[in-house]
Structures are given as C-alpha cells and as structure tokens.
N, C-alpha and C. Protein backbone atom coordinates (compact mmCIF):
# COMPACT_ATOMS: atom_id res chain seq x y z
N UNK A 1 -19.89 61.51 -4.79
CA UNK A 1 -20.66 60.84 -5.41
C UNK A 1 -19.78 59.64 -5.68
N UNK A 2 -19.71 58.50 -5.29
CA UNK A 2 -18.62 57.12 -5.55
C UNK A 2 -19.13 56.65 -6.60
N UNK A 3 -17.61 56.53 -7.24
CA UNK A 3 -17.80 55.66 -8.91
C UNK A 3 -16.78 54.54 -8.90
N UNK A 4 -17.34 53.79 -9.92
CA UNK A 4 -16.09 53.06 -10.27
C UNK A 4 -15.44 53.02 -11.68
N UNK A 5 -14.03 52.64 -11.83
CA UNK A 5 -13.43 52.71 -13.09
C UNK A 5 -12.63 51.73 -13.36
N UNK A 6 -12.55 51.37 -14.67
CA UNK A 6 -11.54 50.06 -15.08
C UNK A 6 -9.98 51.33 -15.49
N UNK A 7 -9.57 50.42 -14.98
CA UNK A 7 -8.03 51.10 -14.91
C UNK A 7 -6.84 49.82 -15.74
N UNK A 8 -6.22 49.76 -17.20
CA UNK A 8 -5.77 49.28 -17.07
C UNK A 8 -4.23 49.37 -17.07
N UNK A 9 -3.23 48.68 -16.89
CA UNK A 9 -1.87 49.25 -17.22
C UNK A 9 -1.20 48.37 -17.91
N UNK A 10 -0.72 48.71 -18.90
CA UNK A 10 -0.68 48.37 -19.99
C UNK A 10 0.92 47.76 -20.50
N UNK A 11 0.75 46.75 -21.41
CA UNK A 11 2.40 46.14 -21.34
C UNK A 11 3.56 46.93 -21.43
N UNK A 12 3.75 47.92 -21.62
CA UNK A 12 4.93 48.46 -21.21
C UNK A 12 5.20 49.06 -19.99
N UNK A 13 3.52 49.41 -19.00
CA UNK A 13 4.14 49.22 -17.60
C UNK A 13 4.60 47.99 -16.91
N UNK A 14 3.94 46.67 -17.36
CA UNK A 14 4.48 45.83 -16.73
C UNK A 14 5.71 45.35 -16.82
N UNK A 15 5.90 45.65 -18.27
CA UNK A 15 7.58 44.97 -19.09
C UNK A 15 8.42 46.15 -18.22
N UNK A 16 7.93 46.97 -17.62
CA UNK A 16 9.22 48.05 -16.96
C UNK A 16 9.15 47.51 -15.53
N UNK A 17 8.28 46.73 -14.95
CA UNK A 17 8.56 46.80 -13.48
C UNK A 17 7.72 47.67 -12.88
N UNK A 18 6.72 48.37 -13.49
CA UNK A 18 6.22 49.46 -13.06
C UNK A 18 5.20 49.32 -11.79
N UNK A 19 4.16 48.38 -12.25
CA UNK A 19 2.97 47.62 -11.68
C UNK A 19 2.49 48.29 -10.46
N UNK A 20 3.91 48.12 -9.75
CA UNK A 20 3.25 48.65 -8.36
C UNK A 20 3.64 50.02 -7.65
N UNK A 21 4.16 50.68 -8.32
CA UNK A 21 4.20 52.11 -8.31
C UNK A 21 2.88 52.59 -9.18
N UNK A 22 2.93 52.22 -10.33
CA UNK A 22 1.33 53.19 -10.79
C UNK A 22 0.66 52.32 -9.35
N UNK A 23 -0.06 50.95 -9.00
CA UNK A 23 -1.13 50.68 -8.20
C UNK A 23 -1.17 51.39 -6.60
N UNK A 24 0.40 51.65 -6.53
CA UNK A 24 0.72 52.44 -5.11
C UNK A 24 -0.02 53.90 -5.28
N UNK A 25 0.40 54.43 -6.10
CA UNK A 25 -0.26 55.93 -6.72
C UNK A 25 -1.82 56.17 -6.35
N UNK A 26 -2.27 54.91 -7.43
CA UNK A 26 -3.80 54.72 -7.10
C UNK A 26 -4.01 54.67 -5.79
N UNK A 27 -3.55 53.84 -5.17
CA UNK A 27 -4.00 53.07 -3.24
C UNK A 27 -3.93 54.35 -2.51
N UNK A 28 -2.77 55.29 -2.76
CA UNK A 28 -2.23 56.27 -1.92
C UNK A 28 -3.50 57.86 -2.11
N UNK A 29 -4.20 57.58 -2.69
CA UNK A 29 -5.34 58.62 -3.23
C UNK A 29 -6.36 58.42 -2.18
N UNK A 30 -6.65 59.47 -1.42
CA UNK A 30 -7.59 59.16 -0.27
C UNK A 30 -8.61 58.67 -0.60
N UNK A 31 -9.67 57.74 0.04
CA UNK A 31 -10.88 57.36 -0.37
C UNK A 31 -11.03 56.24 -1.74
N UNK A 32 -9.77 56.09 -2.23
CA UNK A 32 -9.64 55.30 -3.22
C UNK A 32 -9.44 53.67 -3.22
N UNK A 33 -10.41 52.75 -4.04
CA UNK A 33 -10.05 51.00 -3.34
C UNK A 33 -9.90 50.39 -4.79
N UNK A 34 -8.78 49.78 -4.70
CA UNK A 34 -8.57 48.70 -5.72
C UNK A 34 -9.48 47.47 -5.13
N UNK A 35 -10.69 47.55 -6.06
CA UNK A 35 -11.67 46.49 -5.55
C UNK A 35 -11.39 44.77 -6.21
N UNK A 36 -10.62 44.52 -7.33
CA UNK A 36 -10.43 43.79 -8.24
C UNK A 36 -9.00 43.82 -8.82
N UNK A 37 -8.50 43.22 -9.13
CA UNK A 37 -6.78 42.94 -9.75
C UNK A 37 -7.20 41.66 -10.55
N UNK A 38 -6.20 41.42 -12.05
CA UNK A 38 -5.89 40.74 -12.57
C UNK A 38 -5.05 40.98 -13.62
N UNK A 39 -4.18 39.84 -13.24
CA UNK A 39 -2.70 40.11 -14.52
C UNK A 39 -3.72 39.19 -15.41
N UNK A 40 -3.03 39.32 -16.67
CA UNK A 40 -4.13 38.94 -18.12
C UNK A 40 -3.26 39.51 -19.32
N UNK A 41 -3.48 38.54 -20.13
CA UNK A 41 -3.10 38.08 -21.69
C UNK A 41 -4.23 38.33 -22.35
N UNK A 42 -4.55 39.57 -23.43
CA UNK A 42 -5.66 39.85 -23.98
C UNK A 42 -5.41 39.55 -25.23
N UNK A 43 -7.10 38.39 -25.93
CA UNK A 43 -7.26 38.13 -27.07
C UNK A 43 -7.97 39.52 -28.16
N UNK A 44 -7.46 39.01 -29.18
CA UNK A 44 -8.08 40.11 -30.00
C UNK A 44 -9.39 40.52 -30.20
N UNK A 45 -10.20 39.28 -30.07
CA UNK A 45 -11.88 39.44 -29.21
C UNK A 45 -12.00 40.65 -28.64
N UNK A 46 -11.69 40.22 -27.66
CA UNK A 46 -11.19 41.57 -26.34
C UNK A 46 -11.39 42.62 -26.29
N UNK A 47 -9.95 42.80 -27.56
CA UNK A 47 -9.25 44.17 -27.76
C UNK A 47 -10.09 44.92 -28.85
N UNK A 48 -10.87 44.03 -29.77
CA UNK A 48 -11.47 44.49 -30.76
C UNK A 48 -12.84 45.06 -29.89
N UNK A 49 -13.68 44.41 -29.16
CA UNK A 49 -14.55 44.98 -28.44
C UNK A 49 -14.18 46.35 -27.47
N UNK A 50 -13.24 46.26 -26.73
CA UNK A 50 -12.71 47.63 -26.33
C UNK A 50 -12.57 48.47 -26.90
N UNK A 51 -11.85 48.36 -27.82
CA UNK A 51 -11.47 49.50 -28.98
C UNK A 51 -12.40 49.34 -29.96
N UNK A 52 -13.42 49.19 -30.02
CA UNK A 52 -14.35 49.11 -31.43
C UNK A 52 -14.33 50.67 -32.12
N UNK A 53 -14.70 51.78 -31.54
CA UNK A 53 -14.87 52.80 -31.99
C UNK A 53 -13.71 53.53 -32.56
N UNK A 54 -12.44 52.39 -32.70
CA UNK A 54 -11.03 52.66 -33.32
C UNK A 54 -11.08 52.05 -34.52
N UNK A 55 -12.17 51.24 -34.58
CA UNK A 55 -11.62 49.98 -35.73
C UNK A 55 -11.35 51.14 -36.98
N UNK A 56 -10.47 50.73 -37.90
CA UNK A 56 -10.53 51.15 -38.94
C UNK A 56 -9.55 52.46 -38.99
N UNK A 57 -9.21 53.03 -37.98
CA UNK A 57 -8.52 54.47 -37.98
C UNK A 57 -7.03 53.98 -37.98
N UNK A 58 -6.14 54.48 -38.81
CA UNK A 58 -4.44 54.32 -38.80
C UNK A 58 -3.90 53.71 -37.47
N UNK A 59 -4.08 54.55 -36.24
CA UNK A 59 -3.17 53.39 -35.10
C UNK A 59 -4.10 52.38 -34.97
N UNK A 60 -5.23 51.77 -34.84
CA UNK A 60 -6.11 50.87 -34.21
C UNK A 60 -5.13 49.52 -34.49
N UNK A 61 -4.83 48.59 -35.33
CA UNK A 61 -3.40 47.83 -35.38
C UNK A 61 -2.50 47.94 -35.40
N UNK A 62 -1.88 48.92 -34.79
CA UNK A 62 -0.68 48.94 -34.06
C UNK A 62 -1.01 49.05 -32.44
N UNK A 63 -2.07 49.40 -32.38
CA UNK A 63 -2.13 49.58 -30.39
C UNK A 63 -2.77 47.87 -30.12
N UNK A 64 -3.40 47.41 -31.70
CA UNK A 64 -4.37 46.27 -30.87
C UNK A 64 -2.81 45.05 -30.57
N UNK A 65 -2.04 45.16 -31.54
CA UNK A 65 -0.66 44.24 -31.39
C UNK A 65 0.33 45.06 -30.19
N UNK A 66 0.88 46.31 -30.28
CA UNK A 66 1.12 46.73 -29.16
C UNK A 66 0.14 45.93 -27.55
N UNK A 67 -1.18 46.20 -27.14
CA UNK A 67 -1.74 45.35 -26.10
C UNK A 67 -1.56 43.94 -26.10
N UNK A 68 -1.26 42.96 -27.37
CA UNK A 68 -1.15 41.94 -27.19
C UNK A 68 -0.08 41.42 -27.13
N UNK A 69 1.35 42.23 -27.04
CA UNK A 69 2.75 41.88 -26.92
C UNK A 69 3.09 41.78 -25.69
N UNK A 70 1.92 41.79 -24.55
CA UNK A 70 2.60 41.03 -23.12
C UNK A 70 1.46 41.38 -22.34
N UNK A 71 1.88 40.54 -21.34
CA UNK A 71 0.28 40.93 -20.08
C UNK A 71 0.26 42.41 -19.71
N UNK A 72 -1.12 42.34 -19.27
CA UNK A 72 -1.63 43.32 -18.73
C UNK A 72 -2.24 43.59 -17.68
N UNK A 73 -2.38 44.12 -16.84
CA UNK A 73 -3.08 44.48 -15.25
C UNK A 73 -4.18 44.89 -15.64
N UNK A 74 -4.96 44.50 -15.07
CA UNK A 74 -6.43 45.17 -15.39
C UNK A 74 -7.16 45.23 -13.73
N UNK A 75 -7.63 46.50 -13.59
CA UNK A 75 -7.88 46.89 -12.08
C UNK A 75 -9.12 47.45 -12.11
N UNK A 76 -10.19 47.59 -11.12
CA UNK A 76 -11.29 48.20 -10.76
C UNK A 76 -11.04 49.19 -9.78
N UNK A 77 -11.29 50.15 -10.07
CA UNK A 77 -11.07 50.73 -8.68
C UNK A 77 -12.35 51.85 -8.60
N UNK A 78 -12.60 51.86 -7.11
CA UNK A 78 -13.33 52.68 -6.82
C UNK A 78 -13.56 53.66 -5.85
N UNK A 79 -14.55 54.80 -5.85
CA UNK A 79 -13.97 55.63 -4.89
C UNK A 79 -14.82 57.08 -5.33
N UNK A 80 -14.58 58.31 -4.54
CA UNK A 80 -14.87 59.79 -4.80
C UNK A 80 -14.60 60.59 -6.10
N UNK A 81 -15.27 60.42 -7.09
CA UNK A 81 -14.93 61.29 -8.41
C UNK A 81 -13.67 60.34 -9.57
N UNK A 82 -13.57 58.69 -8.96
CA UNK A 82 -12.57 58.20 -9.50
C UNK A 82 -12.25 58.47 -10.78
N UNK A 83 -13.24 58.53 -11.77
CA UNK A 83 -13.29 58.63 -12.93
C UNK A 83 -12.10 59.51 -13.54
N UNK A 84 -13.00 60.60 -13.17
CA UNK A 84 -12.26 61.78 -13.10
C UNK A 84 -10.18 62.09 -12.77
N UNK A 85 -10.29 61.51 -11.83
CA UNK A 85 -9.04 61.46 -10.81
C UNK A 85 -8.34 60.38 -11.15
N UNK A 86 -8.50 59.62 -11.79
CA UNK A 86 -7.09 58.69 -12.47
C UNK A 86 -7.25 59.06 -13.87
N UNK A 87 -7.84 59.95 -14.57
CA UNK A 87 -7.33 60.13 -15.81
C UNK A 87 -6.41 61.73 -15.81
N UNK A 88 -6.74 61.84 -14.48
CA UNK A 88 -5.90 63.06 -14.26
C UNK A 88 -4.88 62.73 -13.75
N UNK A 89 -4.27 61.73 -12.40
CA UNK A 89 -3.30 61.18 -12.31
C UNK A 89 -2.48 60.39 -13.48
N UNK A 90 -3.11 59.62 -14.16
CA UNK A 90 -2.55 59.17 -15.47
C UNK A 90 -1.56 60.15 -16.00
N UNK A 91 -2.52 61.30 -16.71
CA UNK A 91 -2.01 62.64 -17.44
C UNK A 91 -1.94 62.37 -18.78
N UNK A 92 -1.57 63.48 -19.42
CA UNK A 92 -2.41 63.64 -21.11
C UNK A 92 -1.49 62.02 -22.35
N UNK A 93 -1.83 61.74 -22.83
CA UNK A 93 -1.67 60.55 -23.54
C UNK A 93 0.26 60.87 -23.72
N UNK A 94 0.25 61.93 -24.24
CA UNK A 94 1.46 62.32 -24.85
C UNK A 94 2.56 63.25 -23.56
N UNK A 95 3.66 61.59 -23.39
CA UNK A 95 4.60 61.89 -22.22
C UNK A 95 4.97 63.50 -21.77
N UNK A 96 5.48 64.06 -23.23
CA UNK A 96 5.94 64.88 -23.02
C UNK A 96 5.03 66.25 -22.93
N UNK A 97 4.02 65.96 -22.87
CA UNK A 97 2.94 67.32 -22.79
C UNK A 97 2.23 66.81 -21.14
N UNK A 98 2.50 65.65 -20.39
CA UNK A 98 1.82 65.49 -19.40
C UNK A 98 3.14 66.08 -18.18
N UNK A 99 1.76 66.31 -17.42
CA UNK A 99 3.08 66.80 -16.16
C UNK A 99 3.74 65.83 -15.40
N UNK A 100 4.93 66.89 -14.30
CA UNK A 100 5.30 65.72 -13.65
C UNK A 100 4.81 65.80 -12.67
N UNK A 101 4.46 64.67 -11.66
CA UNK A 101 3.68 64.05 -11.31
C UNK A 101 3.00 62.90 -11.56
N UNK A 102 2.38 63.15 -12.68
CA UNK A 102 1.43 62.29 -13.71
C UNK A 102 2.26 61.15 -13.98
N UNK A 103 1.57 59.70 -13.72
CA UNK A 103 2.02 59.03 -14.24
C UNK A 103 2.61 58.48 -15.75
N UNK A 104 2.22 59.15 -16.83
CA UNK A 104 2.93 59.36 -17.91
C UNK A 104 3.86 60.17 -17.84
N UNK A 105 3.93 61.53 -17.05
CA UNK A 105 4.47 62.66 -17.15
C UNK A 105 6.23 62.08 -16.37
N UNK A 106 6.16 61.10 -15.48
CA UNK A 106 7.26 60.85 -14.83
C UNK A 106 7.88 59.63 -15.26
N UNK A 107 6.98 58.45 -16.04
CA UNK A 107 7.44 57.73 -16.62
C UNK A 107 7.33 56.94 -18.41
N UNK A 108 6.44 57.90 -18.98
CA UNK A 108 5.95 57.61 -20.53
C UNK A 108 6.97 58.34 -21.10
N UNK A 109 7.20 57.15 -22.12
CA UNK A 109 8.36 57.41 -23.01
C UNK A 109 7.83 57.86 -24.42
N UNK A 110 6.57 57.23 -25.12
CA UNK A 110 6.30 57.39 -26.28
C UNK A 110 4.34 57.64 -26.54
N UNK A 111 4.13 58.05 -27.25
CA UNK A 111 2.52 58.23 -27.16
C UNK A 111 1.84 56.67 -27.68
N UNK A 112 2.60 55.68 -28.19
CA UNK A 112 1.39 54.67 -28.68
C UNK A 112 1.74 53.73 -27.70
N UNK A 113 2.82 54.23 -26.94
CA UNK A 113 2.71 52.81 -25.48
C UNK A 113 2.77 53.95 -24.46
N UNK A 114 1.93 54.29 -23.87
CA UNK A 114 1.04 54.93 -22.61
C UNK A 114 0.86 54.37 -21.59
N UNK A 115 1.58 53.29 -21.02
CA UNK A 115 1.76 52.62 -19.76
C UNK A 115 0.14 52.08 -18.54
N UNK A 116 -0.85 53.57 -19.58
CA UNK A 116 -2.22 53.66 -18.75
C UNK A 116 -3.54 53.23 -19.28
N UNK A 117 -4.48 52.91 -19.12
CA UNK A 117 -5.91 53.30 -19.61
C UNK A 117 -6.70 53.48 -18.28
N UNK A 118 -7.70 54.79 -18.58
CA UNK A 118 -8.92 55.12 -17.62
C UNK A 118 -9.84 55.24 -18.46
N UNK A 119 -10.83 54.69 -17.78
CA UNK A 119 -12.34 55.15 -18.40
C UNK A 119 -12.72 56.34 -18.18
N UNK A 120 -12.98 56.67 -19.42
CA UNK A 120 -13.24 58.38 -19.61
C UNK A 120 -14.50 59.08 -19.30
N UNK A 121 -15.72 58.27 -19.30
CA UNK A 121 -16.72 58.71 -18.31
C UNK A 121 -17.22 57.58 -17.58
N UNK A 122 -18.84 57.90 -17.22
CA UNK A 122 -19.38 56.67 -16.28
C UNK A 122 -19.52 55.71 -17.44
N UNK A 123 -20.36 56.19 -18.61
CA UNK A 123 -21.07 55.50 -19.51
C UNK A 123 -19.80 54.57 -20.42
N UNK A 124 -18.48 54.92 -20.54
CA UNK A 124 -17.35 53.82 -20.64
C UNK A 124 -16.78 53.15 -19.28
N UNK A 125 -16.95 53.34 -18.48
CA UNK A 125 -17.00 52.87 -17.21
C UNK A 125 -17.82 51.42 -16.84
N UNK A 126 -18.92 51.67 -17.62
CA UNK A 126 -19.79 50.95 -17.19
C UNK A 126 -19.18 49.59 -18.52
N UNK A 127 -19.47 50.41 -19.42
CA UNK A 127 -19.26 49.18 -20.44
C UNK A 127 -17.66 48.36 -20.70
N UNK A 128 -16.96 49.24 -20.44
CA UNK A 128 -15.57 48.43 -20.06
C UNK A 128 -15.70 47.94 -19.34
N UNK A 129 -16.06 47.61 -17.81
CA UNK A 129 -16.45 47.24 -16.75
C UNK A 129 -16.56 45.60 -17.21
N UNK A 130 -18.19 45.41 -17.66
CA UNK A 130 -18.61 44.49 -18.25
C UNK A 130 -17.56 43.75 -18.97
N UNK A 131 -16.85 44.15 -19.95
CA UNK A 131 -16.29 43.69 -21.14
C UNK A 131 -14.92 42.95 -20.12
N UNK A 132 -14.53 43.48 -18.88
CA UNK A 132 -13.27 42.85 -18.50
C UNK A 132 -13.06 42.55 -16.54
N UNK A 133 -14.66 42.31 -16.37
CA UNK A 133 -15.01 42.08 -15.21
C UNK A 133 -16.26 41.50 -15.20
N UNK A 134 -16.80 40.93 -16.22
CA UNK A 134 -18.46 40.84 -16.21
C UNK A 134 -19.15 40.40 -15.03
N UNK A 135 -17.86 39.56 -14.11
CA UNK A 135 -19.11 39.08 -13.11
C UNK A 135 -19.21 39.75 -11.98
N UNK A 136 -18.64 41.24 -12.21
CA UNK A 136 -18.63 41.84 -11.25
C UNK A 136 -20.07 42.84 -11.21
N UNK A 137 -19.76 43.29 -12.34
CA UNK A 137 -21.00 43.97 -12.74
C UNK A 137 -22.63 43.92 -12.35
C-alpha cells in the first residue's frame, strides 16, 4: 500500500551539511520518491501546531528553541510502507541506541538534536502534511 509521510531534516542536519546524505538514503530505497522538498525557517506558530501534544512538557521549550535555531528541510516522501520504513531508517531518537546504518546511528550526537523527524502513523502523516504542505493535501 502506497503512503505519504512528512520528513523534516532538523537544524543540526542542515548545519552539519548532511542534507544530501540523508535525502540520498531516502531516495535509494526502492519504490520511495521525494515528491516535495522545501528549505525553510520555522516560526513558533507552526511549531506549536506541530508539537501541540508536547506543550507543557519539560523538553518542549528547548525543542522549540532548537527547531528555530536554523533552517530545516521539509520533504514529502511517497512509497510502499514509507511511514514505517523512514522511521526505521531514521533509527531511535537516542543515537547511542540507534543501530549503525540508521541515520541517527551513523550521524546522531545527542538525543535533543536528533537530526530527523518522520511521521509515526498514517494519522500523524496526514495531520503533519496539512501543516507543512497545505497545498498538497
């Protein structure tokens, strides 16, 4: 079953010059296609919408500050089981727990600055795509 998902390359990925490496890993996966891509800076309003379920949690403010610390790359990726697949390719949030070969396992440094976001379900993907690419939904 073909799906669409949102992928965000976070400010640490952009700052470290790893955008091409991460996008290349996504593109090399047979059957997956990047159908939209945009380099942009995020304002607080979009971050509040995106991270609404985390408002009030101790990590919320540092997360918002980090996501505003530099540009991000937002992508729409389509393909067979792409939601599950991109999350597996990304690896666990903790780079120490992430397997070598995953994005976070190969390039991650700390939990808070964890390189990549990928929607965790079809429902999340639909909601997140409306937030970041409203013209495509």
